[in-house]
Amino acid sequence: MIQDSLLKHYSYNPDTGAIASLSKGRGKKWKGGSLDRDGYLKIKHKNKMYQAHRLAWFLFYGEWPLHEIDHINGDRTDNRIVNLRDVPCRTNLQNMGIHRNGHFPGVSQVGQKWRASIQIGENQTHLGMFNSQEEAYRAYLAASDSLTGKE
């Protein structure tokens, strides 16, 4: 089974995020992997490429993540276990937006105010104008949580 093979051939350091080969291969142990064009570390095992953050999750917890792995701090090469979380796509995309442009998702600046809005189906719904980016983001999160049934 491939999971057994992965556990046998790799070790993971949760404090550093490093994945190391336990097999000597060409006479050397190695750490890391290679960087893909999107900035994620990848590791090749038995002719299959694995994203290092998903492999790290598997090596630490002993099971594959149910959803997407989010790098909490936005650094795609920081695979320390404290920086990884298994989240639905929507949550991962929200966090990516914060790191990409410095603004919270669902929030835009209009003059001196901050507008909160959310996409519901095909419609953009205006949630209000706020004095701070954080207030507008809280309104967005509340609306988002009500859509997903969170309280």
N, C-alpha and C. Protein backbone atom coordinates (compact mmCIF):
# COMPACT_ATOMS: atom_id res chain seq x y z
N MET A 1 0.85 -1.18 0.00
CA MET A 1 0.00 0.00 0.00
C MET A 1 0.90 1.25 0.00
N ILE A 2 0.51 2.27 -0.74
CA ILE A 2 1.35 3.46 -0.90
C ILE A 2 1.56 4.20 0.43
N GLN A 3 0.55 4.22 1.29
CA GLN A 3 0.69 4.91 2.57
C GLN A 3 1.80 4.28 3.40
N ASP A 4 1.87 2.94 3.42
CA ASP A 4 2.92 2.25 4.15
C ASP A 4 4.29 2.59 3.58
N SER A 5 4.36 2.65 2.27
CA SER A 5 5.61 2.99 1.61
C SER A 5 6.08 4.39 1.97
N LEU A 6 5.14 5.34 2.00
CA LEU A 6 5.49 6.72 2.36
C LEU A 6 5.99 6.79 3.80
N LEU A 7 5.30 6.10 4.71
CA LEU A 7 5.70 6.11 6.12
C LEU A 7 7.07 5.45 6.31
N LYS A 8 7.37 4.48 5.48
CA LYS A 8 8.64 3.76 5.56
C LYS A 8 9.80 4.59 5.00
N HIS A 9 9.52 5.41 3.99
CA HIS A 9 10.60 6.11 3.28
C HIS A 9 10.85 7.55 3.71
N TYR A 10 9.94 8.15 4.50
CA TYR A 10 10.10 9.56 4.84
C TYR A 10 9.89 9.81 6.32
N SER A 11 10.60 10.81 6.82
CA SER A 11 10.37 11.29 8.18
C SER A 11 9.99 12.77 8.08
N TYR A 12 9.27 13.23 9.07
CA TYR A 12 8.78 14.61 9.09
C TYR A 12 9.11 15.24 10.43
N ASN A 13 9.68 16.44 10.39
CA ASN A 13 9.96 17.18 11.60
C ASN A 13 8.90 18.27 11.74
N PRO A 14 7.93 18.12 12.66
CA PRO A 14 6.84 19.09 12.77
C PRO A 14 7.28 20.48 13.22
N ASP A 15 8.44 20.57 13.87
CA ASP A 15 8.94 21.87 14.33
C ASP A 15 9.55 22.70 13.22
N THR A 16 10.14 22.03 12.23
CA THR A 16 10.78 22.76 11.12
C THR A 16 9.98 22.64 9.82
N GLY A 17 9.15 21.61 9.73
CA GLY A 17 8.39 21.36 8.50
C GLY A 17 9.17 20.57 7.47
N ALA A 18 10.39 20.15 7.82
CA ALA A 18 11.24 19.42 6.87
C ALA A 18 10.80 17.97 6.73
N ILE A 19 10.80 17.51 5.49
CA ILE A 19 10.56 16.10 5.18
C ILE A 19 11.88 15.54 4.67
N ALA A 20 12.30 14.43 5.26
CA ALA A 20 13.59 13.83 4.88
C ALA A 20 13.38 12.41 4.39
N SER A 21 14.18 12.03 3.43
CA SER A 21 14.16 10.66 2.92
C SER A 21 14.91 9.77 3.90
N LEU A 22 14.33 8.61 4.19
CA LEU A 22 15.00 7.64 5.05
C LEU A 22 15.75 6.60 4.23
N SER A 23 15.46 6.53 2.94
CA SER A 23 16.16 5.57 2.07
C SER A 23 17.41 6.23 1.53
N LYS A 24 18.44 5.45 1.38
CA LYS A 24 19.71 6.01 0.97
C LYS A 24 19.78 6.33 -0.50
N GLY A 25 18.92 5.71 -1.31
CA GLY A 25 18.88 6.04 -2.74
C GLY A 25 20.26 6.03 -3.36
N ARG A 26 20.74 7.17 -3.75
CA ARG A 26 22.04 7.31 -4.41
C ARG A 26 23.15 7.53 -3.39
N GLY A 27 23.01 6.90 -2.23
CA GLY A 27 24.05 7.00 -1.22
C GLY A 27 23.89 8.20 -0.31
N LYS A 28 22.81 8.97 -0.46
CA LYS A 28 22.63 10.16 0.36
C LYS A 28 21.20 10.25 0.87
N LYS A 29 21.08 10.79 2.07
CA LYS A 29 19.75 11.19 2.53
C LYS A 29 19.54 12.60 2.00
N TRP A 30 18.33 13.02 1.86
CA TRP A 30 18.06 14.39 1.41
C TRP A 30 16.89 14.95 2.19
N LYS A 31 16.80 16.26 2.17
CA LYS A 31 15.68 16.94 2.80
C LYS A 31 15.04 17.83 1.74
N GLY A 32 13.75 18.05 1.88
CA GLY A 32 13.12 19.04 1.04
C GLY A 32 12.25 18.51 -0.05
N GLY A 33 12.61 18.78 -1.25
CA GLY A 33 11.80 18.50 -2.42
C GLY A 33 12.14 19.56 -3.44
N SER A 34 11.29 19.72 -4.42
CA SER A 34 11.53 20.76 -5.42
C SER A 34 10.35 21.72 -5.42
N LEU A 35 10.64 22.96 -5.77
CA LEU A 35 9.62 24.00 -5.80
C LEU A 35 8.89 23.97 -7.14
N ASP A 36 7.56 23.96 -7.10
CA ASP A 36 6.81 24.00 -8.36
C ASP A 36 6.59 25.46 -8.77
N ARG A 37 5.97 25.67 -9.92
CA ARG A 37 5.80 27.03 -10.45
C ARG A 37 4.89 27.90 -9.59
N ASP A 38 4.07 27.27 -8.72
CA ASP A 38 3.18 28.03 -7.84
C ASP A 38 3.81 28.31 -6.48
N GLY A 39 5.03 27.84 -6.26
CA GLY A 39 5.73 28.12 -5.02
C GLY A 39 5.54 27.09 -3.92
N TYR A 40 4.97 25.93 -4.26
CA TYR A 40 4.79 24.85 -3.30
C TYR A 40 5.90 23.83 -3.45
N LEU A 41 6.32 23.23 -2.33
CA LEU A 41 7.29 22.15 -2.39
C LEU A 41 6.59 20.87 -2.81
N LYS A 42 7.24 20.11 -3.70
CA LYS A 42 6.71 18.83 -4.17
C LYS A 42 7.78 17.77 -3.94
N ILE A 43 7.32 16.55 -3.68
CA ILE A 43 8.22 15.43 -3.46
C ILE A 43 7.77 14.28 -4.34
N LYS A 44 8.71 13.70 -5.07
CA LYS A 44 8.39 12.59 -5.97
C LYS A 44 8.69 11.27 -5.26
N HIS A 45 7.69 10.40 -5.27
CA HIS A 45 7.83 9.06 -4.68
C HIS A 45 7.19 8.05 -5.61
N LYS A 46 7.98 7.09 -6.06
CA LYS A 46 7.50 6.04 -6.96
C LYS A 46 6.75 6.63 -8.16
N ASN A 47 7.38 7.59 -8.81
CA ASN A 47 6.86 8.24 -10.02
C ASN A 47 5.57 9.03 -9.82
N LYS A 48 5.26 9.37 -8.58
CA LYS A 48 4.10 10.21 -8.31
C LYS A 48 4.56 11.43 -7.50
N MET A 49 4.02 12.61 -7.87
CA MET A 49 4.37 13.83 -7.15
C MET A 49 3.38 14.07 -6.02
N TYR A 50 3.91 14.43 -4.86
CA TYR A 50 3.10 14.75 -3.69
C TYR A 50 3.41 16.18 -3.25
N GLN A 51 2.39 16.93 -2.93
CA GLN A 51 2.61 18.25 -2.36
C GLN A 51 3.13 18.03 -0.95
N ALA A 52 4.23 18.71 -0.62
CA ALA A 52 4.90 18.49 0.66
C ALA A 52 3.99 18.81 1.84
N HIS A 53 3.13 19.83 1.72
CA HIS A 53 2.26 20.17 2.85
C HIS A 53 1.23 19.06 3.11
N ARG A 54 0.74 18.41 2.06
CA ARG A 54 -0.21 17.31 2.24
C ARG A 54 0.52 16.07 2.78
N LEU A 55 1.73 15.85 2.30
CA LEU A 55 2.54 14.74 2.79
C LEU A 55 2.91 14.96 4.26
N ALA A 56 3.24 16.19 4.61
CA ALA A 56 3.55 16.52 6.01
C ALA A 56 2.36 16.19 6.90
N TRP A 57 1.17 16.59 6.46
CA TRP A 57 -0.05 16.30 7.22
C TRP A 57 -0.21 14.79 7.42
N PHE A 58 -0.02 14.04 6.32
CA PHE A 58 -0.15 12.59 6.38
C PHE A 58 0.88 11.98 7.33
N LEU A 59 2.13 12.40 7.22
CA LEU A 59 3.19 11.83 8.06
C LEU A 59 2.98 12.16 9.53
N PHE A 60 2.39 13.32 9.83
CA PHE A 60 2.17 13.71 11.22
C PHE A 60 0.93 13.03 11.81
N TYR A 61 -0.18 13.06 11.07
CA TYR A 61 -1.45 12.55 11.59
C TYR A 61 -1.76 11.11 11.20
N GLY A 62 -1.06 10.59 10.21
CA GLY A 62 -1.30 9.21 9.78
C GLY A 62 -2.51 9.05 8.88
N GLU A 63 -3.05 10.15 8.41
CA GLU A 63 -4.17 10.10 7.47
C GLU A 63 -4.12 11.33 6.57
N TRP A 64 -4.67 11.19 5.38
CA TRP A 64 -4.69 12.30 4.43
C TRP A 64 -5.70 13.34 4.88
N PRO A 65 -5.44 14.60 4.59
CA PRO A 65 -6.41 15.65 4.95
C PRO A 65 -7.72 15.45 4.20
N LEU A 66 -8.81 15.87 4.83
CA LEU A 66 -10.13 15.73 4.22
C LEU A 66 -10.39 16.80 3.17
N HIS A 67 -9.77 17.98 3.36
CA HIS A 67 -10.02 19.12 2.48
C HIS A 67 -8.70 19.62 1.91
N GLU A 68 -8.57 20.92 1.84
CA GLU A 68 -7.33 21.54 1.38
C GLU A 68 -6.47 21.89 2.58
N ILE A 69 -5.16 21.92 2.37
CA ILE A 69 -4.26 22.35 3.43
C ILE A 69 -3.96 23.82 3.23
N ASP A 70 -4.27 24.60 4.26
CA ASP A 70 -4.04 26.04 4.25
C ASP A 70 -2.75 26.34 5.00
N HIS A 71 -1.87 27.14 4.38
CA HIS A 71 -0.70 27.67 5.07
C HIS A 71 -1.16 28.94 5.77
N ILE A 72 -1.33 28.87 7.07
CA ILE A 72 -1.93 29.95 7.84
C ILE A 72 -1.21 31.29 7.63
N ASN A 73 0.12 31.26 7.59
CA ASN A 73 0.86 32.52 7.44
C ASN A 73 1.08 32.93 5.99
N GLY A 74 0.55 32.15 5.05
CA GLY A 74 0.66 32.49 3.64
C GLY A 74 1.95 32.06 2.97
N ASP A 75 2.91 31.53 3.73
CA ASP A 75 4.18 31.07 3.17
C ASP A 75 4.03 29.63 2.71
N ARG A 76 4.02 29.42 1.41
CA ARG A 76 3.76 28.10 0.83
C ARG A 76 4.86 27.08 1.09
N THR A 77 6.02 27.53 1.57
CA THR A 77 7.10 26.60 1.88
C THR A 77 7.22 26.33 3.37
N ASP A 78 6.40 26.97 4.18
CA ASP A 78 6.43 26.79 5.64
C ASP A 78 5.49 25.65 6.01
N ASN A 79 6.04 24.44 6.09
CA ASN A 79 5.23 23.26 6.34
C ASN A 79 5.31 22.76 7.78
N ARG A 80 5.60 23.67 8.71
CA ARG A 80 5.53 23.31 10.13
C ARG A 80 4.07 22.98 10.45
N ILE A 81 3.85 22.01 11.29
CA ILE A 81 2.49 21.56 11.57
C ILE A 81 1.64 22.67 12.17
N VAL A 82 2.22 23.60 12.93
CA VAL A 82 1.44 24.70 13.51
C VAL A 82 0.98 25.69 12.44
N ASN A 83 1.55 25.62 11.25
CA ASN A 83 1.18 26.52 10.16
C ASN A 83 0.21 25.88 9.17
N LEU A 84 -0.14 24.62 9.39
CA LEU A 84 -1.01 23.90 8.46
C LEU A 84 -2.36 23.64 9.10
N ARG A 85 -3.42 23.80 8.30
CA ARG A 85 -4.75 23.42 8.78
C ARG A 85 -5.54 22.85 7.61
N ASP A 86 -6.37 21.88 7.92
CA ASP A 86 -7.22 21.20 6.95
C ASP A 86 -8.54 21.96 6.91
N VAL A 87 -8.79 22.65 5.79
CA VAL A 87 -9.97 23.51 5.71
C VAL A 87 -10.67 23.34 4.36
N PRO A 88 -11.97 23.67 4.32
CA PRO A 88 -12.66 23.66 3.03
C PRO A 88 -12.07 24.70 2.08
N CYS A 89 -12.30 24.53 0.81
CA CYS A 89 -11.77 25.42 -0.21
C CYS A 89 -12.09 26.89 0.08
N ARG A 90 -13.32 27.18 0.47
CA ARG A 90 -13.75 28.57 0.72
C ARG A 90 -12.87 29.24 1.77
N THR A 91 -12.59 28.52 2.86
CA THR A 91 -11.76 29.07 3.94
C THR A 91 -10.34 29.30 3.44
N ASN A 92 -9.82 28.36 2.68
CA ASN A 92 -8.47 28.49 2.13
C ASN A 92 -8.39 29.71 1.21
N LEU A 93 -9.38 29.90 0.37
CA LEU A 93 -9.39 31.04 -0.54
C LEU A 93 -9.49 32.35 0.22
N GLN A 94 -10.24 32.37 1.31
CA GLN A 94 -10.35 33.59 2.11
C GLN A 94 -9.00 33.97 2.69
N ASN A 95 -8.27 33.00 3.21
CA ASN A 95 -6.96 33.28 3.79
C ASN A 95 -5.99 33.71 2.70
N MET A 96 -6.07 33.10 1.52
CA MET A 96 -5.18 33.46 0.42
C MET A 96 -5.39 34.93 0.03
N GLY A 97 -6.63 35.37 0.05
CA GLY A 97 -6.92 36.76 -0.30
C GLY A 97 -6.26 37.74 0.64
N ILE A 98 -6.21 37.41 1.91
CA ILE A 98 -5.59 38.29 2.90
C ILE A 98 -4.11 38.45 2.59
N HIS A 99 -3.45 37.34 2.26
CA HIS A 99 -2.01 37.40 2.00
C HIS A 99 -1.67 37.99 0.64
N ARG A 100 -2.57 37.83 -0.32
CA ARG A 100 -2.29 38.29 -1.67
C ARG A 100 -2.25 39.80 -1.77
N ASN A 101 -3.24 40.47 -1.21
CA ASN A 101 -3.30 41.92 -1.44
C ASN A 101 -3.41 42.75 -0.18
N GLY A 102 -3.30 42.13 0.98
CA GLY A 102 -3.34 42.87 2.22
C GLY A 102 -4.74 43.27 2.65
N HIS A 103 -5.76 42.92 1.88
CA HIS A 103 -7.13 43.25 2.24
C HIS A 103 -7.88 41.97 2.58
N PHE A 104 -8.88 42.12 3.40
CA PHE A 104 -9.71 40.99 3.76
C PHE A 104 -10.70 40.68 2.64
N PRO A 105 -11.04 39.39 2.46
CA PRO A 105 -12.04 39.06 1.44
C PRO A 105 -13.39 39.66 1.81
N GLY A 106 -14.15 40.06 0.80
CA GLY A 106 -15.47 40.63 1.03
C GLY A 106 -15.44 42.08 1.47
N VAL A 107 -14.26 42.69 1.43
CA VAL A 107 -14.09 44.06 1.93
C VAL A 107 -13.39 44.91 0.87
N SER A 108 -13.91 46.11 0.65
CA SER A 108 -13.25 47.05 -0.25
C SER A 108 -13.35 48.45 0.34
N GLN A 109 -12.39 49.27 0.01
CA GLN A 109 -12.38 50.63 0.54
C GLN A 109 -13.10 51.56 -0.42
N VAL A 110 -13.97 52.40 0.15
CA VAL A 110 -14.70 53.40 -0.61
C VAL A 110 -14.51 54.73 0.14
N GLY A 111 -13.63 55.56 -0.38
CA GLY A 111 -13.31 56.81 0.32
C GLY A 111 -12.66 56.49 1.65
N GLN A 112 -13.25 57.03 2.73
CA GLN A 112 -12.73 56.80 4.08
C GLN A 112 -13.42 55.62 4.77
N LYS A 113 -14.36 55.00 4.10
CA LYS A 113 -15.14 53.89 4.69
C LYS A 113 -14.74 52.56 4.05
N TRP A 114 -15.22 51.49 4.67
CA TRP A 114 -14.98 50.14 4.19
C TRP A 114 -16.31 49.47 3.91
N ARG A 115 -16.48 48.96 2.71
CA ARG A 115 -17.71 48.29 2.29
C ARG A 115 -17.54 46.78 2.47
N ALA A 116 -18.57 46.14 3.06
CA ALA A 116 -18.60 44.68 3.16
C ALA A 116 -19.65 44.17 2.20
N SER A 117 -19.31 43.12 1.45
CA SER A 117 -20.26 42.49 0.54
C SER A 117 -19.91 41.01 0.43
N ILE A 118 -20.90 40.24 -0.02
CA ILE A 118 -20.68 38.80 -0.16
C ILE A 118 -21.39 38.32 -1.42
N GLN A 119 -20.77 37.35 -2.07
CA GLN A 119 -21.36 36.74 -3.25
C GLN A 119 -22.27 35.60 -2.80
N ILE A 120 -23.55 35.67 -3.17
CA ILE A 120 -24.50 34.60 -2.87
C ILE A 120 -25.10 34.16 -4.20
N GLY A 121 -24.66 32.98 -4.62
CA GLY A 121 -25.07 32.52 -5.94
C GLY A 121 -24.55 33.45 -7.01
N GLU A 122 -25.44 34.00 -7.82
CA GLU A 122 -25.05 34.92 -8.89
C GLU A 122 -25.08 36.38 -8.43
N ASN A 123 -25.55 36.62 -7.20
CA ASN A 123 -25.77 38.00 -6.74
C ASN A 123 -24.74 38.45 -5.73
N GLN A 124 -24.31 39.69 -5.88
CA GLN A 124 -23.44 40.34 -4.92
C GLN A 124 -24.35 41.07 -3.92
N THR A 125 -24.24 40.75 -2.63
CA THR A 125 -25.09 41.35 -1.61
C THR A 125 -24.28 42.34 -0.78
N HIS A 126 -24.75 43.56 -0.70
CA HIS A 126 -24.11 44.62 0.09
C HIS A 126 -24.45 44.41 1.56
N LEU A 127 -23.43 44.38 2.42
CA LEU A 127 -23.64 44.14 3.85
C LEU A 127 -23.54 45.40 4.70
N GLY A 128 -23.02 46.47 4.13
CA GLY A 128 -22.94 47.72 4.87
C GLY A 128 -21.61 48.42 4.71
N MET A 129 -21.58 49.66 5.23
CA MET A 129 -20.36 50.48 5.22
C MET A 129 -19.86 50.58 6.66
N PHE A 130 -18.54 50.54 6.85
CA PHE A 130 -17.97 50.49 8.19
C PHE A 130 -16.79 51.45 8.29
N ASN A 131 -16.45 51.79 9.52
CA ASN A 131 -15.35 52.73 9.77
C ASN A 131 -13.97 52.07 9.66
N SER A 132 -13.93 50.75 9.80
CA SER A 132 -12.63 50.07 9.72
C SER A 132 -12.75 48.81 8.86
N GLN A 133 -11.61 48.40 8.35
CA GLN A 133 -11.53 47.18 7.55
C GLN A 133 -11.93 45.97 8.41
N GLU A 134 -11.51 45.97 9.66
CA GLU A 134 -11.81 44.85 10.55
C GLU A 134 -13.31 44.72 10.82
N GLU A 135 -14.01 45.85 11.02
CA GLU A 135 -15.46 45.81 11.24
C GLU A 135 -16.17 45.25 10.00
N ALA A 136 -15.75 45.70 8.83
CA ALA A 136 -16.36 45.22 7.59
C ALA A 136 -16.11 43.72 7.43
N TYR A 137 -14.92 43.28 7.79
CA TYR A 137 -14.59 41.86 7.67
C TYR A 137 -15.42 41.02 8.64
N ARG A 138 -15.65 41.53 9.85
CA ARG A 138 -16.51 40.81 10.81
C ARG A 138 -17.92 40.64 10.25
N ALA A 139 -18.43 41.67 9.57
CA ALA A 139 -19.76 41.58 8.96
C ALA A 139 -19.75 40.53 7.85
N TYR A 140 -18.69 40.50 7.07
CA TYR A 140 -18.55 39.50 6.01
C TYR A 140 -18.52 38.09 6.60
N LEU A 141 -17.72 37.91 7.67
CA LEU A 141 -17.62 36.58 8.29
C LEU A 141 -18.96 36.14 8.87
N ALA A 142 -19.68 37.07 9.49
CA ALA A 142 -20.99 36.73 10.05
C ALA A 142 -21.94 36.26 8.95
N ALA A 143 -21.92 36.97 7.82
CA ALA A 143 -22.79 36.59 6.69
C ALA A 143 -22.34 35.26 6.12
N SER A 144 -21.04 35.05 6.01
CA SER A 144 -20.50 33.80 5.49
C SER A 144 -20.86 32.64 6.41
N ASP A 145 -20.73 32.86 7.71
CA ASP A 145 -21.06 31.80 8.68
C ASP A 145 -22.54 31.46 8.64
N SER A 146 -23.39 32.45 8.45
CA SER A 146 -24.84 32.18 8.39
C SER A 146 -25.17 31.36 7.13
N LEU A 147 -24.41 31.56 6.06
CA LEU A 147 -24.63 30.77 4.84
C LEU A 147 -24.22 29.32 5.01
N THR A 148 -23.16 29.10 5.82
CA THR A 148 -22.66 27.74 5.99
C THR A 148 -23.23 27.06 7.22
N GLY A 149 -24.11 27.77 7.97
CA GLY A 149 -24.75 27.18 9.12
C GLY A 149 -23.96 27.27 10.41
N LYS A 150 -22.82 27.99 10.40
CA LYS A 150 -22.05 28.18 11.63
C LYS A 150 -22.72 29.27 12.45
N GLU A 151 -22.54 29.21 13.75
CA GLU A 151 -23.13 30.25 14.62
C GLU A 151 -22.04 30.91 15.42
